[in-house]
């Protein structure tokens, strides 16, 4: 995951990390046990922060036993964004 966004996105990641307690509070309020979980991430650029945020969500969901199956995570951005490089 290279690219200028990833190289300059540490401030955004710092904010994501500051929000972890609030993310946990939000997840604590979710009742998703019988449902499949789909997470859509729109405007995910090259993905560095998107991947880290999804790790935070999924790890906490697993820790709190709120996942009954693997979640589906969909990252979306511009058609010119090549996630394979």
Protein backbone atom coordinates (compact mmCIF):
# COMPACT_ATOMS: atom_id res chain seq x y z
CA UNK A 1 0.00 0.00 0.00
CA UNK A 2 2.12 2.81 -1.27
CA UNK A 3 1.19 6.24 -2.40
CA UNK A 4 1.34 9.83 -1.30
CA UNK A 5 -1.79 9.51 0.84
CA UNK A 6 -0.26 6.72 2.91
CA UNK A 7 2.97 8.65 3.25
CA UNK A 8 1.12 11.68 4.61
CA UNK A 9 -1.71 10.12 6.61
CA UNK A 10 -0.18 9.78 10.07
CA UNK A 11 -2.21 12.71 11.50
CA UNK A 12 -5.43 11.02 10.41
CA UNK A 13 -4.31 7.74 11.95
CA UNK A 14 -3.51 9.55 15.19
CA UNK A 15 -7.11 10.79 15.31
CA UNK A 16 -8.42 7.29 14.64
CA UNK A 17 -6.34 6.03 17.55
CA UNK A 18 -7.66 8.80 19.81
CA UNK A 19 -11.20 7.71 18.95
CA UNK A 20 -10.71 4.05 19.95
CA UNK A 21 -12.54 4.43 23.31
CA UNK A 22 -15.53 5.95 21.50
CA UNK A 23 -15.42 3.25 18.83
CA UNK A 24 -15.55 0.66 21.61
CA UNK A 25 -18.51 2.46 23.23
CA UNK A 26 -20.36 2.41 19.93
CA UNK A 27 -19.64 -1.26 19.36
CA UNK A 28 -20.79 -2.03 22.91
CA UNK A 29 -24.21 -0.63 21.95
CA UNK A 30 -24.54 -2.79 18.82
CA UNK A 31 -26.82 -5.80 18.76
CA UNK A 32 -25.56 -7.73 15.75
CA UNK A 33 -25.36 -11.24 17.16
CA UNK A 34 -27.81 -12.99 14.80
CA UNK A 35 -26.88 -10.92 11.77
CA UNK A 36 -24.08 -10.94 9.25
CA UNK A 37 -21.92 -7.86 9.51
CA UNK A 38 -21.02 -5.83 6.43
CA UNK A 39 -18.74 -2.82 6.81
CA UNK A 40 -18.50 -0.40 3.89
CA UNK A 41 -15.54 1.96 3.75
CA UNK A 42 -16.12 4.63 1.11
CA UNK A 43 -13.28 6.88 0.00
CA UNK A 44 -10.58 4.62 1.38
CA UNK A 45 -7.76 5.98 -0.82
CA UNK A 46 -4.69 3.73 -0.69
CA UNK A 47 -5.95 1.97 2.38
CA UNK A 48 -3.42 2.41 5.19
CA UNK A 49 -5.82 4.10 7.61
CA UNK A 50 -8.80 2.14 6.33
CA UNK A 51 -7.11 -1.16 7.04
CA UNK A 52 -6.04 -0.01 10.51
CA UNK A 53 -9.56 1.20 11.35
CA UNK A 54 -11.07 -2.10 10.21
CA UNK A 55 -8.57 -3.97 12.40
CA UNK A 56 -9.70 -1.91 15.39
CA UNK A 57 -13.37 -2.63 14.69
CA UNK A 58 -12.95 -6.34 14.00
CA UNK A 59 -10.55 -7.01 16.87
CA UNK A 60 -12.93 -5.39 19.36
CA UNK A 61 -15.94 -7.18 17.90
CA UNK A 62 -14.06 -10.46 18.35
CA UNK A 63 -12.94 -9.53 21.86
CA UNK A 64 -16.53 -8.83 22.88
CA UNK A 65 -17.85 -11.98 21.14
CA UNK A 66 -20.19 -9.95 18.93
CA UNK A 67 -19.15 -11.72 15.73
CA UNK A 68 -20.87 -14.98 14.91
CA UNK A 69 -19.28 -15.16 11.45
CA UNK A 70 -16.54 -13.44 9.51
CA UNK A 71 -17.54 -9.89 8.59
CA UNK A 72 -17.53 -8.67 5.01
CA UNK A 73 -15.47 -5.50 4.62
CA UNK A 74 -15.83 -3.53 1.40
CA UNK A 75 -13.28 -0.83 0.60
CA UNK A 76 -14.23 1.54 -2.20
CA UNK A 77 -12.56 4.49 -3.85
CA UNK A 78 -11.92 5.93 -7.28
CA UNK A 79 -11.68 3.47 -10.19
CA UNK A 80 -8.10 4.61 -10.74
CA UNK A 81 -7.07 3.45 -7.26
CA UNK A 82 -5.16 0.21 -7.76
CA UNK A 83 -5.19 -1.83 -4.54
CA UNK A 84 -3.07 -4.54 -6.13
CA UNK A 85 0.14 -2.50 -6.14
